[in-house]
């Protein structure tokens, strides 16, 4: 297990991740606040009503619980993560009537095809050993007409971008180019593909045709 993944599985990090670690790092990386990211997640995924939502690599569940607040009726959000300390923190801090948590491997999701109306992964694909396989799994469990949204690393075609790829490789963080995920979405038949780059992070969303 590389440095980055060992860090994410540390109980000490789980205790402070959403309160300090993530807000600070993501603001430096993108210039965006956690509050803005959460609001955009709800808007991008077009949440509301009795939808089924899957949050991959949910960590301590702050996004998962926030997403669940937009649902009603039989709607629910499932947060999936590989880290037991993160899930323990999620259950302790972010339980709710429309949210549940599950330990699992993003590369082999334990759900049937088309199980969810919205699937997301915010700030974790660069940590997963096979991020392409994980993304394909996200698309597999997405229902027709459903929305997918991801936030991940971005490497510009500049000396700084090259340096970020080297540093990321050393620490275990994958740094993706501009084309990897738009191309993957298009090859999977997704439409309405949107990509926005904020500093060293890229935000992508798409729709599975009905």
N, C-alpha and C. Protein backbone atom coordinates (compact mmCIF):
# COMPACT_ATOMS: atom_id res chain seq x y z
N UNK A 1 0.85 -1.19 0.00
CA UNK A 1 0.00 0.00 0.00
C UNK A 1 0.88 1.24 0.00
N UNK A 2 0.61 2.19 -0.92
CA UNK A 2 1.46 3.36 -1.05
C UNK A 2 1.18 4.37 0.07
N UNK A 3 1.99 5.46 0.08
CA UNK A 3 1.89 6.45 1.14
C UNK A 3 0.50 7.06 1.21
N UNK A 4 -0.05 7.44 0.06
CA UNK A 4 -1.35 8.09 0.05
C UNK A 4 -2.44 7.20 0.60
N UNK A 5 -2.47 5.94 0.20
CA UNK A 5 -3.52 5.03 0.67
C UNK A 5 -3.34 4.69 2.14
N UNK A 6 -2.10 4.56 2.61
CA UNK A 6 -1.87 4.33 4.03
C UNK A 6 -2.39 5.50 4.85
N UNK A 7 -2.17 6.70 4.35
CA UNK A 7 -2.65 7.89 5.05
C UNK A 7 -4.17 7.89 5.17
N UNK A 8 -4.86 7.56 4.08
CA UNK A 8 -6.31 7.59 4.08
C UNK A 8 -6.92 6.51 4.97
N UNK A 9 -6.16 5.48 5.29
CA UNK A 9 -6.65 4.41 6.16
C UNK A 9 -6.27 4.61 7.62
N UNK A 10 -5.66 5.75 7.94
CA UNK A 10 -5.23 6.01 9.31
C UNK A 10 -6.39 6.52 10.15
N UNK A 11 -6.66 5.93 11.32
CA UNK A 11 -7.75 6.41 12.18
C UNK A 11 -7.62 7.88 12.55
N UNK A 12 -6.38 8.35 12.75
CA UNK A 12 -6.19 9.75 13.13
C UNK A 12 -6.69 10.69 12.05
N UNK A 13 -6.46 10.34 10.78
CA UNK A 13 -6.92 11.19 9.68
C UNK A 13 -8.44 11.20 9.59
N UNK A 14 -9.05 10.05 9.83
CA UNK A 14 -10.51 9.98 9.76
C UNK A 14 -11.16 10.97 10.71
N UNK A 15 -10.52 11.20 11.85
CA UNK A 15 -11.09 12.09 12.86
C UNK A 15 -11.09 13.55 12.44
N UNK A 16 -10.15 13.95 11.58
CA UNK A 16 -10.03 15.37 11.22
C UNK A 16 -10.23 15.62 9.73
N UNK A 17 -10.51 14.58 8.97
CA UNK A 17 -10.50 14.69 7.51
C UNK A 17 -11.43 15.78 7.01
N UNK A 18 -12.71 15.71 7.34
CA UNK A 18 -13.67 16.67 6.81
C UNK A 18 -13.66 18.00 7.54
N UNK A 19 -13.13 18.04 8.74
CA UNK A 19 -13.12 19.29 9.50
C UNK A 19 -11.97 20.18 9.10
N UNK A 20 -10.84 19.58 8.73
CA UNK A 20 -9.66 20.41 8.45
C UNK A 20 -8.90 19.96 7.22
N UNK A 21 -8.57 18.67 7.13
CA UNK A 21 -7.69 18.17 6.08
C UNK A 21 -8.26 18.43 4.69
N UNK A 22 -9.46 17.90 4.42
CA UNK A 22 -10.03 18.03 3.08
C UNK A 22 -10.34 19.47 2.70
N UNK A 23 -10.99 20.25 3.56
CA UNK A 23 -11.28 21.63 3.15
C UNK A 23 -10.03 22.42 2.78
N UNK A 24 -8.96 22.25 3.56
CA UNK A 24 -7.73 23.00 3.29
C UNK A 24 -7.07 22.55 1.99
N UNK A 25 -6.90 21.24 1.82
CA UNK A 25 -6.22 20.72 0.63
C UNK A 25 -7.01 21.01 -0.65
N UNK A 26 -8.33 20.82 -0.59
CA UNK A 26 -9.12 21.04 -1.80
C UNK A 26 -9.21 22.52 -2.15
N UNK A 27 -9.18 23.39 -1.16
CA UNK A 27 -9.19 24.81 -1.48
C UNK A 27 -7.87 25.21 -2.15
N UNK A 28 -6.77 24.68 -1.66
CA UNK A 28 -5.48 24.96 -2.29
C UNK A 28 -5.43 24.38 -3.70
N UNK A 29 -6.00 23.20 -3.89
CA UNK A 29 -5.92 22.52 -5.18
C UNK A 29 -6.86 23.11 -6.23
N UNK A 30 -8.00 23.67 -5.79
CA UNK A 30 -9.02 24.11 -6.76
C UNK A 30 -9.49 25.54 -6.59
N UNK A 31 -9.22 26.15 -5.44
CA UNK A 31 -9.75 27.47 -5.18
C UNK A 31 -11.23 27.45 -4.83
N UNK A 32 -11.76 26.28 -4.53
CA UNK A 32 -13.18 26.12 -4.23
C UNK A 32 -13.37 25.65 -2.79
N UNK A 33 -14.46 26.10 -2.17
CA UNK A 33 -14.77 25.68 -0.81
C UNK A 33 -15.56 24.38 -0.82
N UNK A 34 -15.57 23.70 0.31
CA UNK A 34 -16.36 22.48 0.44
C UNK A 34 -17.84 22.78 0.25
N UNK A 35 -18.30 23.91 0.78
CA UNK A 35 -19.72 24.27 0.64
C UNK A 35 -20.10 24.42 -0.84
N UNK A 36 -19.24 25.05 -1.62
CA UNK A 36 -19.51 25.21 -3.05
C UNK A 36 -19.51 23.87 -3.75
N UNK A 37 -18.58 23.00 -3.39
CA UNK A 37 -18.53 21.67 -4.00
C UNK A 37 -19.79 20.87 -3.70
N UNK A 38 -20.28 20.96 -2.48
CA UNK A 38 -21.49 20.22 -2.12
C UNK A 38 -22.70 20.73 -2.89
N UNK A 39 -22.86 22.03 -2.97
CA UNK A 39 -23.99 22.59 -3.71
C UNK A 39 -23.93 22.19 -5.18
N UNK A 40 -22.73 22.24 -5.75
CA UNK A 40 -22.58 21.87 -7.16
C UNK A 40 -22.85 20.39 -7.37
N UNK A 41 -22.51 19.57 -6.37
CA UNK A 41 -22.77 18.13 -6.49
C UNK A 41 -24.26 17.86 -6.61
N UNK A 42 -25.05 18.49 -5.78
CA UNK A 42 -26.51 18.32 -5.84
C UNK A 42 -27.05 18.81 -7.18
N UNK A 43 -26.57 19.96 -7.63
CA UNK A 43 -27.03 20.52 -8.90
C UNK A 43 -26.62 19.65 -10.08
N UNK A 44 -25.35 19.22 -10.09
CA UNK A 44 -24.83 18.43 -11.21
C UNK A 44 -25.50 17.07 -11.30
N UNK A 45 -25.76 16.45 -10.16
CA UNK A 45 -26.40 15.14 -10.15
C UNK A 45 -27.92 15.24 -10.31
N UNK A 46 -28.44 16.47 -10.24
CA UNK A 46 -29.87 16.73 -10.42
C UNK A 46 -30.69 15.92 -9.42
N UNK A 47 -30.32 16.07 -8.16
CA UNK A 47 -30.95 15.28 -7.11
C UNK A 47 -32.29 15.84 -6.68
N UNK A 48 -33.15 14.92 -6.27
CA UNK A 48 -34.46 15.28 -5.75
C UNK A 48 -35.40 14.10 -5.84
N UNK A 49 -36.30 14.00 -4.89
CA UNK A 49 -37.29 12.94 -4.91
C UNK A 49 -36.74 11.59 -4.46
N UNK A 50 -37.35 10.54 -4.98
CA UNK A 50 -37.05 9.17 -4.53
C UNK A 50 -35.92 8.55 -5.35
N UNK A 51 -34.81 9.24 -5.43
CA UNK A 51 -33.67 8.72 -6.19
C UNK A 51 -32.77 7.83 -5.32
N UNK A 52 -32.04 6.97 -6.01
CA UNK A 52 -31.03 6.11 -5.36
C UNK A 52 -29.66 6.66 -5.74
N UNK A 53 -28.85 7.00 -4.72
CA UNK A 53 -27.57 7.66 -4.94
C UNK A 53 -26.45 6.81 -4.36
N UNK A 54 -25.36 6.69 -5.11
CA UNK A 54 -24.18 5.97 -4.65
C UNK A 54 -22.98 6.91 -4.63
N UNK A 55 -22.38 7.04 -3.46
CA UNK A 55 -21.21 7.91 -3.27
C UNK A 55 -19.99 7.02 -3.06
N UNK A 56 -19.14 6.92 -4.08
CA UNK A 56 -17.96 6.06 -4.04
C UNK A 56 -16.83 6.75 -3.29
N UNK A 57 -16.11 5.98 -2.44
CA UNK A 57 -15.02 6.51 -1.62
C UNK A 57 -15.54 7.67 -0.77
N UNK A 58 -16.57 7.38 -0.02
CA UNK A 58 -17.31 8.41 0.71
C UNK A 58 -16.56 8.97 1.90
N UNK A 59 -15.48 8.31 2.35
CA UNK A 59 -14.75 8.79 3.51
C UNK A 59 -15.65 8.84 4.73
N UNK A 60 -15.61 9.92 5.52
CA UNK A 60 -16.42 10.01 6.73
C UNK A 60 -17.87 10.43 6.48
N UNK A 61 -18.30 10.45 5.23
CA UNK A 61 -19.71 10.58 4.92
C UNK A 61 -20.29 11.97 4.86
N UNK A 62 -19.47 13.00 4.91
CA UNK A 62 -20.02 14.36 4.90
C UNK A 62 -20.76 14.68 3.61
N UNK A 63 -20.19 14.29 2.48
CA UNK A 63 -20.88 14.51 1.20
C UNK A 63 -22.11 13.60 1.11
N UNK A 64 -21.98 12.36 1.52
CA UNK A 64 -23.09 11.40 1.41
C UNK A 64 -24.31 11.90 2.17
N UNK A 65 -24.10 12.32 3.40
CA UNK A 65 -25.21 12.83 4.21
C UNK A 65 -25.81 14.08 3.57
N UNK A 66 -24.98 14.97 3.07
CA UNK A 66 -25.46 16.19 2.43
C UNK A 66 -26.31 15.84 1.20
N UNK A 67 -25.85 14.90 0.39
CA UNK A 67 -26.62 14.49 -0.79
C UNK A 67 -27.97 13.91 -0.39
N UNK A 68 -27.99 13.14 0.69
CA UNK A 68 -29.24 12.50 1.12
C UNK A 68 -30.28 13.52 1.55
N UNK A 69 -29.84 14.70 1.98
CA UNK A 69 -30.78 15.72 2.41
C UNK A 69 -31.63 16.26 1.27
N UNK A 70 -31.22 16.03 0.02
CA UNK A 70 -31.97 16.49 -1.15
C UNK A 70 -33.02 15.49 -1.61
N UNK A 71 -33.07 14.33 -0.96
CA UNK A 71 -33.96 13.26 -1.38
C UNK A 71 -35.24 13.26 -0.56
N UNK A 72 -36.25 12.57 -1.07
CA UNK A 72 -37.52 12.46 -0.35
C UNK A 72 -38.16 11.12 -0.69
N UNK A 73 -39.29 10.83 -0.08
CA UNK A 73 -39.98 9.58 -0.34
C UNK A 73 -39.10 8.39 -0.01
N UNK A 74 -38.93 7.49 -0.97
CA UNK A 74 -38.09 6.31 -0.77
C UNK A 74 -36.64 6.55 -1.20
N UNK A 75 -36.27 7.79 -1.43
CA UNK A 75 -34.90 8.08 -1.84
C UNK A 75 -33.90 7.78 -0.74
N UNK A 76 -32.70 7.38 -1.15
CA UNK A 76 -31.64 7.08 -0.18
C UNK A 76 -30.28 7.23 -0.83
N UNK A 77 -29.27 7.44 -0.01
CA UNK A 77 -27.89 7.54 -0.47
C UNK A 77 -27.05 6.48 0.23
N UNK A 78 -26.20 5.81 -0.54
CA UNK A 78 -25.29 4.80 -0.01
C UNK A 78 -23.87 5.32 -0.15
N UNK A 79 -23.13 5.34 0.93
CA UNK A 79 -21.72 5.70 0.89
C UNK A 79 -20.88 4.45 0.97
N UNK A 80 -19.98 4.27 0.01
CA UNK A 80 -19.11 3.09 -0.02
C UNK A 80 -17.66 3.52 0.10
N UNK A 81 -16.91 2.84 0.97
CA UNK A 81 -15.50 3.16 1.15
C UNK A 81 -14.76 1.89 1.54
N UNK A 82 -13.45 1.86 1.27
CA UNK A 82 -12.63 0.70 1.62
C UNK A 82 -12.04 0.84 3.02
N UNK A 83 -11.96 2.07 3.53
CA UNK A 83 -11.31 2.34 4.81
C UNK A 83 -12.27 2.13 5.97
N UNK A 84 -11.97 1.18 6.83
CA UNK A 84 -12.80 0.94 8.01
C UNK A 84 -12.82 2.14 8.96
N UNK A 85 -11.69 2.80 9.23
CA UNK A 85 -11.74 3.98 10.10
C UNK A 85 -12.63 5.10 9.54
N UNK A 86 -12.57 5.32 8.22
CA UNK A 86 -13.42 6.34 7.63
C UNK A 86 -14.90 5.98 7.77
N UNK A 87 -15.25 4.73 7.56
CA UNK A 87 -16.64 4.32 7.68
C UNK A 87 -17.13 4.39 9.12
N UNK A 88 -16.27 4.07 10.06
CA UNK A 88 -16.65 4.19 11.47
C UNK A 88 -16.97 5.65 11.80
N UNK A 89 -16.17 6.56 11.26
CA UNK A 89 -16.44 7.99 11.48
C UNK A 89 -17.73 8.40 10.78
N UNK A 90 -17.99 7.85 9.59
CA UNK A 90 -19.23 8.17 8.87
C UNK A 90 -20.46 7.75 9.67
N UNK A 91 -20.43 6.56 10.22
CA UNK A 91 -21.56 6.06 11.00
C UNK A 91 -21.75 6.91 12.26
N UNK A 92 -20.64 7.31 12.88
CA UNK A 92 -20.72 8.10 14.11
C UNK A 92 -21.19 9.53 13.86
N UNK A 93 -20.71 10.14 12.78
CA UNK A 93 -20.94 11.57 12.57
C UNK A 93 -22.00 11.91 11.53
N UNK A 94 -22.26 10.99 10.59
CA UNK A 94 -23.11 11.35 9.45
C UNK A 94 -24.18 10.31 9.14
N UNK A 95 -24.76 9.75 10.19
CA UNK A 95 -25.91 8.87 10.01
C UNK A 95 -27.13 9.72 9.70
N UNK A 96 -28.16 9.09 9.17
CA UNK A 96 -29.38 9.82 8.86
C UNK A 96 -30.45 8.88 8.35
N UNK A 97 -31.67 9.37 8.24
CA UNK A 97 -32.79 8.51 7.83
C UNK A 97 -32.72 8.05 6.38
N UNK A 98 -31.95 8.74 5.55
CA UNK A 98 -31.86 8.36 4.13
C UNK A 98 -30.43 8.06 3.70
N UNK A 99 -29.61 7.64 4.62
CA UNK A 99 -28.21 7.37 4.29
C UNK A 99 -27.73 6.11 4.99
N UNK A 100 -26.90 5.33 4.31
CA UNK A 100 -26.29 4.14 4.88
C UNK A 100 -24.89 3.98 4.33
N UNK A 101 -24.07 3.18 5.02
CA UNK A 101 -22.66 3.04 4.64
C UNK A 101 -22.29 1.57 4.51
N UNK A 102 -21.35 1.33 3.57
CA UNK A 102 -20.96 -0.03 3.23
C UNK A 102 -19.48 -0.07 2.92
N UNK A 103 -18.79 -1.08 3.45
CA UNK A 103 -17.38 -1.26 3.10
C UNK A 103 -17.30 -2.10 1.84
N UNK A 104 -16.52 -1.61 0.86
CA UNK A 104 -16.41 -2.34 -0.39
C UNK A 104 -15.30 -1.80 -1.26
N UNK A 105 -15.03 -2.53 -2.33
CA UNK A 105 -13.98 -2.20 -3.29
C UNK A 105 -14.62 -1.54 -4.51
N UNK A 106 -14.20 -0.31 -4.80
CA UNK A 106 -14.79 0.43 -5.93
C UNK A 106 -14.58 -0.28 -7.26
N UNK A 107 -13.58 -1.15 -7.34
CA UNK A 107 -13.31 -1.86 -8.59
C UNK A 107 -14.25 -3.03 -8.83
N UNK A 108 -14.96 -3.44 -7.77
CA UNK A 108 -15.89 -4.57 -7.85
C UNK A 108 -17.12 -4.24 -7.02
N UNK A 109 -17.98 -3.39 -7.54
CA UNK A 109 -19.13 -2.93 -6.76
C UNK A 109 -20.15 -4.06 -6.58
N UNK A 110 -20.65 -4.23 -5.35
CA UNK A 110 -21.59 -5.32 -5.06
C UNK A 110 -23.04 -4.96 -5.38
N UNK A 111 -23.26 -4.40 -6.56
CA UNK A 111 -24.60 -3.98 -6.96
C UNK A 111 -24.89 -4.44 -8.39
N UNK A 112 -26.17 -4.64 -8.67
CA UNK A 112 -26.58 -5.05 -10.01
C UNK A 112 -26.47 -3.89 -10.98
N UNK A 113 -26.45 -4.21 -12.26
CA UNK A 113 -26.43 -3.18 -13.31
C UNK A 113 -27.62 -2.23 -13.12
N UNK A 114 -27.37 -0.94 -13.30
CA UNK A 114 -28.46 0.04 -13.28
C UNK A 114 -29.14 0.22 -11.94
N UNK A 115 -28.41 0.02 -10.85
CA UNK A 115 -29.03 0.08 -9.53
C UNK A 115 -29.26 1.49 -9.00
N UNK A 116 -28.55 2.50 -9.55
CA UNK A 116 -28.59 3.84 -8.96
C UNK A 116 -28.93 4.91 -10.00
N UNK A 117 -29.66 5.91 -9.53
CA UNK A 117 -30.04 7.03 -10.38
C UNK A 117 -28.93 8.08 -10.46
N UNK A 118 -28.04 8.08 -9.50
CA UNK A 118 -26.91 9.01 -9.49
C UNK A 118 -25.73 8.32 -8.83
N UNK A 119 -24.56 8.47 -9.43
CA UNK A 119 -23.32 7.87 -8.90
C UNK A 119 -22.24 8.94 -8.92
N UNK A 120 -21.48 9.02 -7.85
CA UNK A 120 -20.44 10.05 -7.78
C UNK A 120 -19.20 9.54 -7.06
N UNK A 121 -18.10 10.21 -7.32
CA UNK A 121 -16.83 9.93 -6.64
C UNK A 121 -16.06 11.24 -6.61
N UNK A 122 -15.97 11.84 -5.44
CA UNK A 122 -15.37 13.17 -5.32
C UNK A 122 -14.01 13.08 -4.61
N UNK A 123 -12.96 13.28 -5.39
CA UNK A 123 -11.63 13.37 -4.81
C UNK A 123 -11.06 12.07 -4.32
N UNK A 124 -11.19 10.99 -5.10
CA UNK A 124 -10.64 9.71 -4.64
C UNK A 124 -10.12 8.81 -5.75
N UNK A 125 -10.52 9.04 -7.00
CA UNK A 125 -10.10 8.14 -8.08
C UNK A 125 -8.59 8.04 -8.19
N UNK A 126 -7.88 9.10 -7.85
CA UNK A 126 -6.43 9.09 -7.94
C UNK A 126 -5.77 8.22 -6.88
N UNK A 127 -6.56 7.74 -5.91
CA UNK A 127 -6.05 6.85 -4.87
C UNK A 127 -6.35 5.38 -5.16
N UNK A 128 -7.36 5.11 -5.98
CA UNK A 128 -7.79 3.74 -6.24
C UNK A 128 -6.79 3.05 -7.16
N UNK A 129 -6.39 1.81 -6.85
CA UNK A 129 -5.36 1.13 -7.65
C UNK A 129 -5.66 1.04 -9.13
N UNK A 130 -6.91 0.82 -9.51
CA UNK A 130 -7.29 0.79 -10.92
C UNK A 130 -8.46 1.74 -11.12
N UNK A 131 -8.18 3.04 -11.30
CA UNK A 131 -9.27 4.02 -11.38
C UNK A 131 -10.15 3.85 -12.61
N UNK A 132 -9.60 3.32 -13.69
CA UNK A 132 -10.41 3.11 -14.90
C UNK A 132 -11.44 2.01 -14.65
N UNK A 133 -11.01 0.91 -14.02
CA UNK A 133 -11.95 -0.16 -13.68
C UNK A 133 -13.03 0.36 -12.74
N UNK A 134 -12.64 1.19 -11.77
CA UNK A 134 -13.62 1.75 -10.83
C UNK A 134 -14.63 2.64 -11.56
N UNK A 135 -14.16 3.42 -12.50
CA UNK A 135 -15.07 4.30 -13.24
C UNK A 135 -16.03 3.49 -14.10
N UNK A 136 -15.54 2.44 -14.71
CA UNK A 136 -16.42 1.58 -15.51
C UNK A 136 -17.48 0.91 -14.63
N UNK A 137 -17.10 0.57 -13.40
CA UNK A 137 -18.08 0.00 -12.47
C UNK A 137 -19.14 1.04 -12.11
N UNK A 138 -18.73 2.29 -11.93
CA UNK A 138 -19.68 3.35 -11.64
C UNK A 138 -20.69 3.49 -12.77
N UNK A 139 -20.20 3.41 -14.00
CA UNK A 139 -21.08 3.51 -15.16
C UNK A 139 -22.01 2.29 -15.23
N UNK A 140 -21.48 1.13 -14.90
CA UNK A 140 -22.28 -0.11 -14.96
C UNK A 140 -23.49 -0.04 -14.03
N UNK A 141 -23.32 0.50 -12.84
CA UNK A 141 -24.43 0.50 -11.87
C UNK A 141 -25.33 1.71 -12.03
N UNK A 142 -25.04 2.56 -13.02
CA UNK A 142 -25.86 3.75 -13.26
C UNK A 142 -27.07 3.40 -14.11
N UNK A 143 -28.23 3.79 -13.65
CA UNK A 143 -29.47 3.48 -14.37
C UNK A 143 -29.62 4.36 -15.61
N UNK A 144 -30.36 3.90 -16.61
CA UNK A 144 -30.66 4.75 -17.77
C UNK A 144 -31.30 6.07 -17.33
N UNK A 145 -30.80 7.15 -17.90
CA UNK A 145 -31.27 8.47 -17.51
C UNK A 145 -30.56 9.03 -16.29
N UNK A 146 -29.69 8.23 -15.68
CA UNK A 146 -29.01 8.65 -14.47
C UNK A 146 -27.81 9.54 -14.74
N UNK A 147 -27.33 10.17 -13.68
CA UNK A 147 -26.22 11.11 -13.78
C UNK A 147 -25.00 10.58 -13.01
N UNK A 148 -23.82 10.84 -13.58
CA UNK A 148 -22.56 10.50 -12.92
C UNK A 148 -21.73 11.78 -12.77
N UNK A 149 -21.01 11.89 -11.66
CA UNK A 149 -20.16 13.05 -11.44
C UNK A 149 -18.90 12.62 -10.70
N UNK A 150 -17.75 13.14 -11.13
CA UNK A 150 -16.50 12.83 -10.47
C UNK A 150 -15.66 14.10 -10.33
N UNK A 151 -14.83 14.10 -9.31
CA UNK A 151 -13.78 15.10 -9.16
C UNK A 151 -12.48 14.34 -9.00
N UNK A 152 -11.48 14.70 -9.79
CA UNK A 152 -10.20 14.02 -9.68
C UNK A 152 -9.07 14.97 -10.09
N UNK A 153 -7.86 14.46 -10.07
CA UNK A 153 -6.69 15.27 -10.37
C UNK A 153 -6.62 15.64 -11.85
N UNK A 154 -5.86 16.70 -12.14
CA UNK A 154 -5.70 17.14 -13.52
C UNK A 154 -4.27 17.60 -13.76
N UNK A 155 -3.72 17.13 -14.87
CA UNK A 155 -2.36 17.50 -15.25
C UNK A 155 -2.41 18.31 -16.53
N UNK A 156 -1.96 19.56 -16.45
CA UNK A 156 -1.87 20.39 -17.64
C UNK A 156 -0.62 20.03 -18.43
N UNK A 157 -0.61 20.35 -19.70
CA UNK A 157 0.56 20.08 -20.55
C UNK A 157 1.57 21.22 -20.40
N UNK A 158 2.10 21.31 -19.20
CA UNK A 158 3.08 22.35 -18.85
C UNK A 158 4.16 21.72 -17.99
N UNK A 159 5.29 22.40 -17.78
CA UNK A 159 6.31 21.88 -16.86
C UNK A 159 5.75 21.60 -15.48
N UNK A 160 4.85 22.48 -15.02
CA UNK A 160 4.24 22.24 -13.70
C UNK A 160 3.41 20.97 -13.72
N UNK A 161 2.69 20.75 -14.81
CA UNK A 161 1.89 19.54 -14.93
C UNK A 161 2.76 18.29 -14.91
N UNK A 162 3.87 18.35 -15.58
CA UNK A 162 4.79 17.21 -15.58
C UNK A 162 5.33 16.97 -14.18
N UNK A 163 5.69 18.04 -13.47
CA UNK A 163 6.21 17.91 -12.12
C UNK A 163 5.16 17.30 -11.19
N UNK A 164 3.90 17.71 -11.35
CA UNK A 164 2.85 17.17 -10.50
C UNK A 164 2.67 15.67 -10.74
N UNK A 165 2.89 15.23 -11.98
CA UNK A 165 2.77 13.80 -12.27
C UNK A 165 3.90 13.03 -11.59
N UNK A 166 5.09 13.58 -11.59
CA UNK A 166 6.23 12.91 -10.94
C UNK A 166 6.01 12.82 -9.44
N UNK A 167 5.62 13.94 -8.83
CA UNK A 167 5.40 13.96 -7.38
C UNK A 167 4.24 13.04 -7.01
N UNK A 168 3.19 13.07 -7.81
CA UNK A 168 2.05 12.21 -7.55
C UNK A 168 2.42 10.74 -7.63
N UNK A 169 3.23 10.38 -8.62
CA UNK A 169 3.66 8.99 -8.76
C UNK A 169 4.47 8.53 -7.58
N UNK A 170 5.30 9.41 -7.05
CA UNK A 170 6.12 9.06 -5.89
C UNK A 170 5.25 8.80 -4.66
N UNK A 171 4.20 9.61 -4.48
CA UNK A 171 3.37 9.49 -3.28
C UNK A 171 2.25 8.46 -3.44
N UNK A 172 1.97 8.06 -4.67
CA UNK A 172 0.88 7.12 -4.91
C UNK A 172 -0.38 7.77 -5.44
N UNK A 173 -0.33 9.08 -5.74
CA UNK A 173 -1.48 9.78 -6.30
C UNK A 173 -1.38 9.79 -7.82
N UNK A 174 -2.40 9.30 -8.50
CA UNK A 174 -2.43 9.35 -9.95
C UNK A 174 -2.81 10.75 -10.40
N UNK A 175 -2.16 11.25 -11.44
CA UNK A 175 -2.50 12.56 -11.99
C UNK A 175 -2.93 12.35 -13.43
N UNK A 176 -4.17 12.73 -13.75
CA UNK A 176 -4.77 12.40 -15.04
C UNK A 176 -4.71 13.57 -16.01
N UNK A 177 -4.61 13.24 -17.29
CA UNK A 177 -4.58 14.27 -18.31
C UNK A 177 -5.99 14.77 -18.62
N UNK A 178 -6.09 15.61 -19.62
CA UNK A 178 -7.35 16.26 -19.94
C UNK A 178 -8.34 15.35 -20.65
N UNK A 179 -7.87 14.25 -21.23
CA UNK A 179 -8.71 13.45 -22.12
C UNK A 179 -9.20 12.13 -21.54
N UNK A 180 -8.56 11.62 -20.49
CA UNK A 180 -8.84 10.27 -20.02
C UNK A 180 -10.31 10.04 -19.72
N UNK A 181 -10.91 10.87 -18.90
CA UNK A 181 -12.28 10.61 -18.47
C UNK A 181 -13.34 11.07 -19.48
N UNK A 182 -13.18 12.18 -20.17
CA UNK A 182 -14.15 12.47 -21.24
C UNK A 182 -14.19 11.36 -22.29
N UNK A 183 -13.02 10.84 -22.63
CA UNK A 183 -12.97 9.76 -23.62
C UNK A 183 -13.63 8.49 -23.08
N UNK A 184 -13.36 8.16 -21.82
CA UNK A 184 -13.95 6.98 -21.21
C UNK A 184 -15.47 7.11 -21.16
N UNK A 185 -15.98 8.28 -20.79
CA UNK A 185 -17.42 8.49 -20.75
C UNK A 185 -18.03 8.33 -22.14
N UNK A 186 -17.39 8.92 -23.14
CA UNK A 186 -17.92 8.85 -24.50
C UNK A 186 -17.92 7.42 -25.01
N UNK A 187 -16.85 6.68 -24.75
CA UNK A 187 -16.76 5.29 -25.20
C UNK A 187 -17.82 4.42 -24.55
N UNK A 188 -18.25 4.80 -23.34
CA UNK A 188 -19.29 4.04 -22.63
C UNK A 188 -20.70 4.45 -23.06
N UNK A 189 -20.78 5.42 -23.97
CA UNK A 189 -22.07 5.83 -24.49
C UNK A 189 -22.76 6.93 -23.69
N UNK A 190 -22.05 7.54 -22.75
CA UNK A 190 -22.63 8.61 -21.97
C UNK A 190 -22.74 9.88 -22.82
N UNK A 191 -23.68 10.73 -22.45
CA UNK A 191 -23.91 11.99 -23.20
C UNK A 191 -23.92 13.16 -22.21
N UNK A 192 -24.07 14.36 -22.75
CA UNK A 192 -24.06 15.59 -21.93
C UNK A 192 -22.79 15.67 -21.08
N UNK A 193 -21.67 15.28 -21.68
CA UNK A 193 -20.41 15.26 -20.94
C UNK A 193 -19.90 16.69 -20.73
N UNK A 194 -19.65 17.02 -19.48
CA UNK A 194 -19.16 18.35 -19.14
C UNK A 194 -17.89 18.21 -18.31
N UNK A 195 -16.88 18.99 -18.66
CA UNK A 195 -15.61 18.98 -17.93
C UNK A 195 -15.21 20.41 -17.59
N UNK A 196 -14.88 20.61 -16.32
CA UNK A 196 -14.39 21.91 -15.87
C UNK A 196 -13.11 21.69 -15.08
N UNK A 197 -12.12 22.53 -15.33
CA UNK A 197 -10.83 22.43 -14.65
C UNK A 197 -10.66 23.62 -13.72
N UNK A 198 -10.36 23.33 -12.47
CA UNK A 198 -10.08 24.37 -11.48
C UNK A 198 -8.70 24.05 -10.88
N UNK A 199 -7.71 24.82 -11.30
CA UNK A 199 -6.33 24.61 -10.87
C UNK A 199 -5.88 23.20 -11.19
N UNK A 200 -5.65 22.34 -10.19
CA UNK A 200 -5.13 21.00 -10.47
C UNK A 200 -6.20 19.92 -10.28
N UNK A 201 -7.48 20.33 -10.26
CA UNK A 201 -8.57 19.36 -10.18
C UNK A 201 -9.49 19.52 -11.38
N UNK A 202 -10.06 18.41 -11.82
CA UNK A 202 -11.04 18.44 -12.90
C UNK A 202 -12.36 17.87 -12.39
N UNK A 203 -13.45 18.52 -12.80
CA UNK A 203 -14.81 18.15 -12.42
C UNK A 203 -15.52 17.69 -13.68
N UNK A 204 -16.05 16.46 -13.67
CA UNK A 204 -16.73 15.93 -14.84
C UNK A 204 -18.10 15.38 -14.46
N UNK A 205 -19.04 15.51 -15.40
CA UNK A 205 -20.36 14.93 -15.21
C UNK A 205 -20.88 14.47 -16.56
N UNK A 206 -21.84 13.56 -16.52
CA UNK A 206 -22.42 13.03 -17.77
C UNK A 206 -23.73 12.32 -17.45
N UNK A 207 -24.47 11.97 -18.50
CA UNK A 207 -25.75 11.30 -18.37
C UNK A 207 -25.71 9.97 -19.11
N UNK A 208 -26.32 8.95 -18.53
CA UNK A 208 -26.52 7.70 -19.26
C UNK A 208 -27.84 7.80 -20.01
N UNK A 209 -27.83 7.65 -21.33
CA UNK A 209 -29.06 7.85 -22.11
C UNK A 209 -30.18 6.93 -21.63
N UNK A 210 -31.40 7.48 -21.64
CA UNK A 210 -32.56 6.69 -21.26
C UNK A 210 -32.97 5.72 -22.35
